[in-house]
């Protein structure tokens, strides 16, 4: 099974590239797909997609991509962001499961 890198994006003017923070194996994560109604075109006319994964250690990973090759990115998000994403994408039962 492939491993995916998790990155953080530059927060200050002295950083110019994403930094590797961690990696995860999707075989040990619970994944949630976006609501197709939330898919939107990007500035380049491609469609932006999203997914959310809960790693086995309880951390949430936000996945974003377009049809462009090598556009797949993963980053950690907090519980509030994960809950909002689940609710906005029709995963009410998952939000209830993980957040009560």
C-alpha atoms as a PDB file:
ATOM      1  CA  UNK A   1       0.000   0.000   0.000  1.00  0.00           C
ATOM      2  CA  UNK A   2       1.389   3.450  -0.834  1.00  0.00           C
ATOM      3  CA  UNK A   3       2.259   5.957   1.844  1.00  0.00           C
ATOM      4  CA  UNK A   4       1.253   9.589   1.405  1.00  0.00           C
ATOM      5  CA  UNK A   5       3.281  12.541   2.609  1.00  0.00           C
ATOM      6  CA  UNK A   6       1.600  15.091   4.870  1.00  0.00           C
ATOM      7  CA  UNK A   7       2.847  18.651   4.428  1.00  0.00           C
ATOM      8  CA  UNK A   8       2.453  22.029   6.042  1.00  0.00           C
ATOM      9  CA  UNK A   9       2.468  25.150   3.909  1.00  0.00           C
ATOM     10  CA  UNK A  10       4.647  28.220   4.438  1.00  0.00           C
ATOM     11  CA  UNK A  11       3.431  30.377   7.276  1.00  0.00           C
ATOM     12  CA  UNK A  12       5.954  33.187   7.022  1.00  0.00           C
ATOM     13  CA  UNK A  13       7.877  35.211   4.528  1.00  0.00           C
ATOM     14  CA  UNK A  14      11.095  33.226   5.124  1.00  0.00           C
ATOM     15  CA  UNK A  15       9.587  29.916   4.026  1.00  0.00           C
ATOM     16  CA  UNK A  16       9.106  29.271   0.339  1.00  0.00           C
ATOM     17  CA  UNK A  17       7.993  25.653   0.034  1.00  0.00           C
ATOM     18  CA  UNK A  18       5.803  23.135   1.835  1.00  0.00           C
ATOM     19  CA  UNK A  19       7.521  21.174   4.588  1.00  0.00           C
ATOM     20  CA  UNK A  20       7.157  17.459   5.174  1.00  0.00           C
ATOM     21  CA  UNK A  21       5.453  16.907   8.542  1.00  0.00           C
ATOM     22  CA  UNK A  22       4.598  13.212   8.539  1.00  0.00           C
ATOM     23  CA  UNK A  23       3.259  10.418   6.340  1.00  0.00           C
ATOM     24  CA  UNK A  24       0.334   8.039   6.570  1.00  0.00           C
ATOM     25  CA  UNK A  25      -0.889   4.773   5.084  1.00  0.00           C
ATOM     26  CA  UNK A  26      -4.501   5.044   3.837  1.00  0.00           C
ATOM     27  CA  UNK A  27      -4.945   1.332   4.512  1.00  0.00           C
ATOM     28  CA  UNK A  28      -5.063   2.237   8.204  1.00  0.00           C
ATOM     29  CA  UNK A  29      -7.401   5.236   7.859  1.00  0.00           C
ATOM     30  CA  UNK A  30     -11.137   5.793   7.529  1.00  0.00           C
ATOM     31  CA  UNK A  31     -11.896   7.861   4.444  1.00  0.00           C
ATOM     32  CA  UNK A  32     -14.810  10.123   3.576  1.00  0.00           C
ATOM     33  CA  UNK A  33     -15.603  11.357   0.074  1.00  0.00           C
ATOM     34  CA  UNK A  34     -16.785  14.841  -0.828  1.00  0.00           C
ATOM     35  CA  UNK A  35     -20.391  15.628  -1.664  1.00  0.00           C
ATOM     36  CA  UNK A  36     -20.435  15.876  -5.497  1.00  0.00           C
ATOM     37  CA  UNK A  37     -22.442  19.100  -5.165  1.00  0.00           C
ATOM     38  CA  UNK A  38     -19.382  20.710  -3.523  1.00  0.00           C
ATOM     39  CA  UNK A  39     -17.010  20.063  -6.463  1.00  0.00           C
ATOM     40  CA  UNK A  40     -16.037  23.382  -8.023  1.00  0.00           C
ATOM     41  CA  UNK A  41     -13.876  24.556 -10.915  1.00  0.00           C
ATOM     42  CA  UNK A  42     -10.455  25.983 -10.095  1.00  0.00           C
ATOM     43  CA  UNK A  43      -8.827  29.002 -11.695  1.00  0.00           C
ATOM     44  CA  UNK A  44      -7.332  26.761 -14.382  1.00  0.00           C
ATOM     45  CA  UNK A  45     -10.725  25.289 -15.324  1.00  0.00           C
ATOM     46  CA  UNK A  46     -10.025  21.993 -13.587  1.00  0.00           C
ATOM     47  CA  UNK A  47     -12.290  20.652 -10.895  1.00  0.00           C
ATOM     48  CA  UNK A  48     -11.121  20.835  -7.298  1.00  0.00           C
ATOM     49  CA  UNK A  49     -11.814  17.787  -5.165  1.00  0.00           C
ATOM     50  CA  UNK A  50     -11.611  17.057  -1.458  1.00  0.00           C
ATOM     51  CA  UNK A  51     -11.655  14.101   0.890  1.00  0.00           C
ATOM     52  CA  UNK A  52     -11.132  13.646   4.596  1.00  0.00           C
ATOM     53  CA  UNK A  53      -9.366  10.779   6.348  1.00  0.00           C
ATOM     54  CA  UNK A  54      -9.174   9.843  10.001  1.00  0.00           C
ATOM     55  CA  UNK A  55      -5.852   8.162  10.734  1.00  0.00           C
ATOM     56  CA  UNK A  56      -5.725   5.323  13.232  1.00  0.00           C
ATOM     57  CA  UNK A  57      -4.045   7.633  15.758  1.00  0.00           C
ATOM     58  CA  UNK A  58      -7.118   9.904  15.671  1.00  0.00           C
ATOM     59  CA  UNK A  59      -5.661  12.742  13.601  1.00  0.00           C
ATOM     60  CA  UNK A  60      -7.639  14.152  10.682  1.00  0.00           C
ATOM     61  CA  UNK A  61      -6.096  14.574   7.237  1.00  0.00           C
ATOM     62  CA  UNK A  62      -7.578  16.843   4.595  1.00  0.00           C
ATOM     63  CA  UNK A  63      -6.891  15.736   1.021  1.00  0.00           C
ATOM     64  CA  UNK A  64      -7.255  18.111  -1.942  1.00  0.00           C
ATOM     65  CA  UNK A  65      -6.555  17.505  -5.633  1.00  0.00           C
ATOM     66  CA  UNK A  66      -7.445  18.417  -9.213  1.00  0.00           C
ATOM     67  CA  UNK A  67      -7.200  16.435 -12.415  1.00  0.00           C
ATOM     68  CA  UNK A  68      -3.686  17.856 -12.868  1.00  0.00           C
ATOM     69  CA  UNK A  69      -0.988  15.235 -12.381  1.00  0.00           C
ATOM     70  CA  UNK A  70       0.780  15.332  -8.987  1.00  0.00           C
ATOM     71  CA  UNK A  71      -1.741  17.774  -7.498  1.00  0.00           C
ATOM     72  CA  UNK A  72      -2.668  15.479  -4.576  1.00  0.00           C
ATOM     73  CA  UNK A  73      -1.917  17.121  -1.195  1.00  0.00           C
ATOM     74  CA  UNK A  74      -2.565  16.081   2.409  1.00  0.00           C
ATOM     75  CA  UNK A  75      -2.496  18.252   5.516  1.00  0.00           C
ATOM     76  CA  UNK A  76      -3.645  17.834   9.098  1.00  0.00           C
ATOM     77  CA  UNK A  77      -6.784  19.662  10.247  1.00  0.00           C
ATOM     78  CA  UNK A  78      -8.237  20.119  13.720  1.00  0.00           C
ATOM     79  CA  UNK A  79     -11.393  18.466  15.063  1.00  0.00           C
ATOM     80  CA  UNK A  80     -13.592  21.529  14.467  1.00  0.00           C
ATOM     81  CA  UNK A  81     -12.563  21.687  10.805  1.00  0.00           C
ATOM     82  CA  UNK A  82     -13.065  17.937  10.369  1.00  0.00           C
ATOM     83  CA  UNK A  83     -16.522  18.052  11.946  1.00  0.00           C
ATOM     84  CA  UNK A  84     -17.595  20.988   9.775  1.00  0.00           C
ATOM     85  CA  UNK A  85     -16.287  19.239   6.649  1.00  0.00           C
ATOM     86  CA  UNK A  86     -18.162  16.024   7.499  1.00  0.00           C
ATOM     87  CA  UNK A  87     -21.413  17.909   8.063  1.00  0.00           C
ATOM     88  CA  UNK A  88     -21.001  19.998   4.891  1.00  0.00           C
ATOM     89  CA  UNK A  89     -20.432  16.851   2.843  1.00  0.00           C
ATOM     90  CA  UNK A  90     -23.372  14.771   4.030  1.00  0.00           C
ATOM     91  CA  UNK A  91     -21.560  12.626   6.600  1.00  0.00           C
ATOM     92  CA  UNK A  92     -23.796  13.385   9.584  1.00  0.00           C
ATOM     93  CA  UNK A  93     -23.516   9.850  10.977  1.00  0.00           C
ATOM     94  CA  UNK A  94     -19.699  10.057  10.878  1.00  0.00           C
ATOM     95  CA  UNK A  95     -19.788  13.433  12.657  1.00  0.00           C
ATOM     96  CA  UNK A  96     -22.030  11.885  15.304  1.00  0.00           C
ATOM     97  CA  UNK A  97     -19.728   8.868  15.609  1.00  0.00           C
ATOM     98  CA  UNK A  98     -16.528  10.837  16.083  1.00  0.00           C
ATOM     99  CA  UNK A  99     -17.794  13.965  17.845  1.00  0.00           C
ATOM    100  CA  UNK A 100     -21.016  12.986  19.604  1.00  0.00           C
END
